[in-house]
Amino acid sequence: MTTEFTGYDPTIENRDEIANTATPVLFAISDVEAPEEIDPRPLVRHDNQGNMGSCGGFGNTNCGEFLWGLITGSHSNDRQFSPLFSYLEAQRLDGLLGSDKGSTISSGLKISKEIGYLEAKHLPYSTPYPRNARTLITDEMRKTASAVQGFRIRSHAWLESYDDVFKYLASRAGAVYPGTSWNDSHYGRSGVVESISFTNRDGGHAYAWLGYSKRKDSKGRNYIWRLNSHNDSWTEIAPSVIDQLCRHQWSSIVGMSDLLTPGPNRVLWKEARPLG
């Protein structure tokens, strides 16, 4: 049985475009001064997408809110971004606007780079899918989003393994925006996912990987924190599951950074990053 509301169709994802426009991550794990943990929960709140296929918008804005928290040291309650704006704008690029059929990671990336994030107060989230979706987003909203000082995505990376994901997060370079296959085995029991399976009936889903916990596997590798806008919320994901997802043919695992060239950021984890 697949999940009922996901909103990410991996069969239309433009993986080649994501990979070909990615910024290489030119540093090794040995270059990273990794904190014991990076706990994103104090920076980003959980919201539920409800009865809409807007997971791509939530995954994107959750990454944006986490990066804003790195920059300012503030919780997303102080500046929450609109998942509905990010979802509908990505749909516009995908040619899906007007129907609740989800959105792609590649189009979400373009919106967060070229336009930015709209604060949620300018377009609050509500369900069901808006009947006026084709006209709801205005040029004024786009201008307002573009005017948020210091906040657009400036580079992205194509990540292919747990080591890539951990390095990107532990370096404080950015957040990770995955679009993957999805079924009921991907939900966390008691807040932890130790294993998953794939079936020929899987749906697709987008979400956010925003740090790592103190929990470790038998190889000493930290579990990754996942924020999911559908059903469960914060979940610790086993390193073997991250590797399994990275290898899957439907996966698009993207690092998102406010830095032009992601690299080890040697400031303390809870210390604010200067706006630049």
Protein backbone atom coordinates (compact mmCIF):
# COMPACT_ATOMS: atom_id res chain seq x y z
CA MET A 1 0.00 0.00 0.00
CA THR A 2 1.42 3.39 -0.95
CA THR A 3 0.82 6.63 0.88
CA GLU A 4 -2.25 8.61 -0.12
CA PHE A 5 -0.78 12.09 -0.36
CA THR A 6 2.80 12.55 -1.46
CA GLY A 7 3.04 15.00 -4.35
CA TYR A 8 6.37 14.11 -5.88
CA ASP A 9 6.41 12.30 -9.24
CA PRO A 10 9.94 10.95 -9.75
CA THR A 11 9.15 9.95 -13.32
CA ILE A 12 9.10 13.60 -14.48
CA GLU A 13 12.10 14.80 -12.45
CA ASN A 14 14.90 16.46 -14.43
CA ARG A 15 17.83 14.73 -12.74
CA ASP A 16 20.25 15.54 -15.55
CA GLU A 17 19.61 19.26 -15.15
CA ILE A 18 20.10 19.10 -11.38
CA ALA A 19 23.36 17.15 -11.74
CA ASN A 20 24.72 19.22 -14.63
CA THR A 21 24.15 22.56 -12.87
CA ALA A 22 25.39 21.42 -9.45
CA THR A 23 28.37 22.99 -7.71
CA PRO A 24 31.04 20.37 -6.91
CA VAL A 25 31.68 19.79 -3.21
CA LEU A 26 35.46 20.02 -3.21
CA PHE A 27 36.31 19.10 0.35
CA ALA A 28 36.73 15.86 2.26
CA ILE A 29 35.10 14.68 5.47
CA SER A 30 38.53 15.00 7.09
CA ASP A 31 38.33 18.77 6.43
CA VAL A 32 35.12 19.07 8.42
CA GLU A 33 35.06 19.92 12.12
CA ALA A 34 31.84 18.04 12.76
CA PRO A 35 29.85 18.88 15.91
CA GLU A 36 28.69 15.94 18.01
CA GLU A 37 25.21 16.61 16.70
CA ILE A 38 23.32 19.17 14.64
CA ASP A 39 19.81 19.28 16.06
CA PRO A 40 17.56 21.30 13.72
CA ARG A 41 14.44 21.02 15.83
CA PRO A 42 15.01 24.30 17.70
CA LEU A 43 15.26 26.12 14.34
CA VAL A 44 12.43 24.71 12.21
CA ARG A 45 8.88 23.94 13.23
CA HIS A 46 6.85 21.06 11.84
CA ASP A 47 3.72 21.73 9.80
CA ASN A 48 1.51 19.18 8.07
CA GLN A 49 0.69 19.47 4.37
CA GLY A 50 -2.73 17.91 4.94
CA ASN A 51 -4.84 16.89 1.96
CA MET A 52 -2.62 18.41 -0.72
CA GLY A 53 0.34 17.17 -2.75
CA SER A 54 2.52 20.07 -1.64
CA CYS A 55 5.40 18.11 -0.11
CA GLY A 56 7.85 19.70 -2.57
CA GLY A 57 6.93 23.15 -1.28
CA PHE A 58 7.28 22.06 2.34
CA GLY A 59 10.63 20.32 1.78
CA ASN A 60 11.95 23.39 -0.01
CA THR A 61 10.78 25.92 2.58
CA ASN A 62 11.90 23.74 5.49
CA CYS A 63 15.40 23.77 3.97
CA GLY A 64 15.14 27.53 3.54
CA GLU A 65 14.01 28.04 7.14
CA PHE A 66 16.86 25.88 8.40
CA LEU A 67 19.39 27.92 6.40
CA TRP A 68 17.82 31.15 7.65
CA GLY A 69 18.26 29.79 11.17
CA LEU A 70 21.95 29.11 10.45
CA ILE A 71 22.35 32.68 9.22
CA THR A 72 20.49 34.43 12.02
CA GLY A 73 20.30 31.94 14.88
CA SER A 74 16.51 32.43 14.96
CA HIS A 75 13.62 29.97 14.95
CA SER A 76 11.41 29.69 11.86
CA ASN A 77 8.55 31.09 13.94
CA ASP A 78 10.36 34.43 13.59
CA ARG A 79 10.46 34.14 9.79
CA GLN A 80 8.43 31.34 8.32
CA PHE A 81 8.37 30.85 4.56
CA SER A 82 5.29 30.03 2.51
CA PRO A 83 5.19 26.40 1.29
CA LEU A 84 2.17 27.24 -0.85
CA PHE A 85 4.15 29.89 -2.74
CA SER A 86 7.08 27.54 -3.31
CA TYR A 87 4.75 24.72 -4.36
CA LEU A 88 2.67 26.69 -6.86
CA GLU A 89 5.68 28.49 -8.32
CA ALA A 90 7.46 25.16 -8.86
CA GLN A 91 4.28 23.82 -10.46
CA ARG A 92 4.29 26.80 -12.82
CA LEU A 93 7.73 25.80 -14.09
CA ASP A 94 6.70 22.14 -14.24
CA GLY A 95 3.63 22.96 -16.35
CA LEU A 96 1.38 21.46 -13.67
CA LEU A 97 -0.27 24.62 -12.31
CA GLY A 98 -4.01 24.24 -11.88
CA SER A 99 -3.96 20.60 -10.79
CA ASP A 100 -2.76 19.15 -7.50
CA LYS A 101 -0.18 16.81 -9.06
CA GLY A 102 2.88 17.76 -7.01
CA SER A 103 6.08 19.45 -8.16
CA THR A 104 9.69 18.54 -8.93
CA ILE A 105 12.88 19.14 -6.99
CA SER A 106 14.48 20.77 -10.06
CA SER A 107 11.74 23.41 -10.33
CA GLY A 108 11.74 24.01 -6.57
CA LEU A 109 15.48 24.66 -6.81
CA LYS A 110 14.99 27.18 -9.62
CA ILE A 111 12.37 29.09 -7.65
CA SER A 112 14.51 29.23 -4.50
CA LYS A 113 17.49 30.48 -6.55
CA GLU A 114 15.83 32.87 -8.99
CA ILE A 115 13.00 34.28 -6.88
CA GLY A 116 13.60 33.22 -3.29
CA TYR A 117 11.17 32.57 -0.47
CA LEU A 118 7.97 34.44 0.32
CA GLU A 119 7.19 34.91 3.99
CA ALA A 120 4.16 32.87 5.04
CA LYS A 121 2.30 35.95 6.27
CA HIS A 122 1.94 37.05 2.63
CA LEU A 123 0.47 33.71 1.55
CA PRO A 124 -0.66 31.50 4.46
CA TYR A 125 -0.99 27.78 3.85
CA SER A 126 -4.46 26.29 3.54
CA THR A 127 -6.12 23.28 1.98
CA PRO A 128 -7.60 22.07 -0.30
CA TYR A 129 -5.73 22.93 -3.48
CA PRO A 130 -6.79 26.47 -4.50
CA ARG A 131 -9.27 26.75 -7.35
CA ASN A 132 -7.56 29.97 -8.43
CA ALA A 133 -4.08 28.42 -8.44
CA ARG A 134 -3.25 29.83 -11.89
CA THR A 135 -3.78 33.42 -10.75
CA LEU A 136 -3.13 33.22 -6.99
CA ILE A 137 0.59 34.07 -7.20
CA THR A 138 1.09 37.68 -8.30
CA ASP A 139 4.12 39.56 -9.59
CA GLU A 140 3.93 41.61 -6.41
CA MET A 141 4.39 38.44 -4.36
CA ARG A 142 7.41 37.50 -6.47
CA LYS A 143 8.91 40.96 -5.95
CA THR A 144 8.29 40.68 -2.21
CA ALA A 145 10.00 37.28 -2.12
CA SER A 146 12.98 38.61 -4.07
CA ALA A 147 13.33 41.50 -1.63
CA VAL A 148 14.05 39.33 1.43
CA GLN A 149 17.60 40.40 2.22
CA GLY A 150 20.19 37.70 2.06
CA PHE A 151 17.83 34.97 1.27
CA ARG A 152 17.94 32.94 -1.84
CA ILE A 153 19.64 29.64 -2.51
CA ARG A 154 22.94 30.44 -4.18
CA SER A 155 24.24 26.97 -5.03
CA HIS A 156 23.23 23.33 -4.93
CA ALA A 157 25.08 20.02 -4.85
CA TRP A 158 24.20 16.59 -6.21
CA LEU A 159 24.67 14.12 -3.34
CA GLU A 160 25.16 10.40 -3.99
CA SER A 161 25.83 8.70 -0.65
CA TYR A 162 25.47 8.92 3.11
CA ASP A 163 29.03 10.28 3.26
CA ASP A 164 28.07 13.09 0.86
CA VAL A 165 24.97 13.92 2.91
CA PHE A 166 26.78 13.85 6.25
CA LYS A 167 29.67 15.94 4.92
CA TYR A 168 27.29 18.56 3.56
CA LEU A 169 25.34 18.80 6.82
CA ALA A 170 28.28 18.49 9.21
CA SER A 171 30.20 21.24 7.37
CA ARG A 172 27.23 23.56 7.96
CA ALA A 173 27.30 24.24 4.20
CA GLY A 174 23.57 23.80 3.85
CA ALA A 175 20.44 21.64 4.02
CA VAL A 176 19.44 18.58 2.01
CA TYR A 177 16.29 18.44 -0.14
CA PRO A 178 15.49 14.84 -1.22
CA GLY A 179 12.84 13.59 -3.60
CA THR A 180 12.53 9.81 -3.38
CA SER A 181 10.38 6.75 -3.75
CA TRP A 182 7.97 6.36 -0.83
CA ASN A 183 5.77 3.76 0.81
CA ASP A 184 4.55 2.96 4.31
CA SER A 185 7.89 1.40 5.32
CA HIS A 186 9.47 4.87 5.17
CA TYR A 187 7.48 6.16 8.14
CA GLY A 188 9.36 6.10 11.42
CA ARG A 189 8.25 3.83 14.22
CA SER A 190 8.91 5.54 17.54
CA GLY A 191 10.70 8.29 15.62
CA VAL A 192 13.40 6.10 13.99
CA VAL A 193 13.69 4.47 10.54
CA GLU A 194 16.08 1.51 10.65
CA SER A 195 15.18 -0.07 7.31
CA ILE A 196 12.97 0.48 4.28
CA SER A 197 11.76 -1.53 1.30
CA PHE A 198 10.82 -0.64 -2.26
CA THR A 199 7.85 -2.00 -4.21
CA ASN A 200 6.47 -1.61 -7.73
CA ARG A 201 3.56 0.36 -6.27
CA ASP A 202 5.63 3.06 -4.55
CA GLY A 203 4.63 6.69 -4.65
CA GLY A 204 7.06 9.58 -4.47
CA HIS A 205 7.69 12.11 -1.74
CA ALA A 206 9.82 15.19 -1.03
CA TYR A 207 10.98 16.28 2.42
CA ALA A 208 14.08 17.68 4.18
CA TRP A 209 17.23 16.32 5.86
CA LEU A 210 18.36 18.98 8.31
CA GLY A 211 21.14 17.73 10.55
CA TYR A 212 22.03 14.61 12.48
CA SER A 213 21.50 13.16 15.94
CA LYS A 214 23.79 11.59 18.53
CA ARG A 215 22.40 8.16 17.64
CA LYS A 216 25.00 6.12 15.73
CA ASP A 217 25.09 2.85 13.83
CA SER A 218 27.58 0.02 14.33
CA LYS A 219 30.09 1.87 12.13
CA GLY A 220 29.92 5.01 14.27
CA ARG A 221 27.88 6.95 11.69
CA ASN A 222 25.29 9.46 12.90
CA TYR A 223 21.61 9.11 12.07
CA ILE A 224 20.18 11.92 9.92
CA TRP A 225 17.27 14.09 11.05
CA ARG A 226 14.36 14.05 8.57
CA LEU A 227 11.53 16.59 8.68
CA ASN A 228 8.46 15.18 6.95
CA SER A 229 5.36 17.28 6.25
CA HIS A 230 3.14 14.22 5.81
CA ASN A 231 1.92 12.33 8.89
CA ASP A 232 5.06 11.89 11.01
CA SER A 233 7.34 14.84 11.73
CA TRP A 234 10.93 14.63 13.05
CA THR A 235 12.47 11.22 12.47
CA GLU A 236 16.00 9.81 12.79
CA ILE A 237 17.07 7.96 9.64
CA ALA A 238 19.68 5.19 9.75
CA PRO A 239 22.81 5.74 7.61
CA SER A 240 22.15 2.50 5.72
CA VAL A 241 18.72 3.86 4.72
CA ILE A 242 20.30 7.09 3.47
CA ASP A 243 22.69 5.03 1.31
CA GLN A 244 19.81 2.90 0.08
CA LEU A 245 17.82 5.98 -0.95
CA CYS A 246 20.84 7.59 -2.60
CA ARG A 247 21.35 4.51 -4.77
CA HIS A 248 17.73 4.21 -5.87
CA GLN A 249 16.99 5.13 -9.48
CA TRP A 250 14.11 7.42 -8.52
CA SER A 251 16.04 9.52 -6.00
CA SER A 252 17.12 13.13 -6.38
CA ILE A 253 19.20 14.09 -3.33
CA VAL A 254 20.11 17.78 -3.45
CA GLY A 255 22.18 19.90 -1.09
CA MET A 256 20.96 23.52 -0.93
CA SER A 257 23.22 26.34 0.26
CA ASP A 258 23.11 30.09 0.69
CA LEU A 259 26.86 30.01 -0.09
CA LEU A 260 28.14 30.36 -3.65
CA THR A 261 30.76 27.67 -3.05
CA PRO A 262 29.81 25.26 -0.25
CA GLY A 263 32.67 24.39 2.04
CA PRO A 264 33.47 23.74 5.68
CA ASN A 265 32.03 26.50 7.82
CA ARG A 266 34.15 26.59 10.95
CA VAL A 267 31.82 28.69 13.08
CA LEU A 268 30.21 26.94 16.02
CA TRP A 269 26.98 25.12 15.24
CA LYS A 270 24.75 27.44 17.25
CA GLU A 271 26.63 30.58 16.22
CA ALA A 272 24.94 32.81 13.65
CA ARG A 273 26.34 32.93 10.13
CA PRO A 274 26.79 36.52 8.90
CA LEU A 275 24.52 37.64 6.10
CA GLY A 276 26.38 37.87 2.81
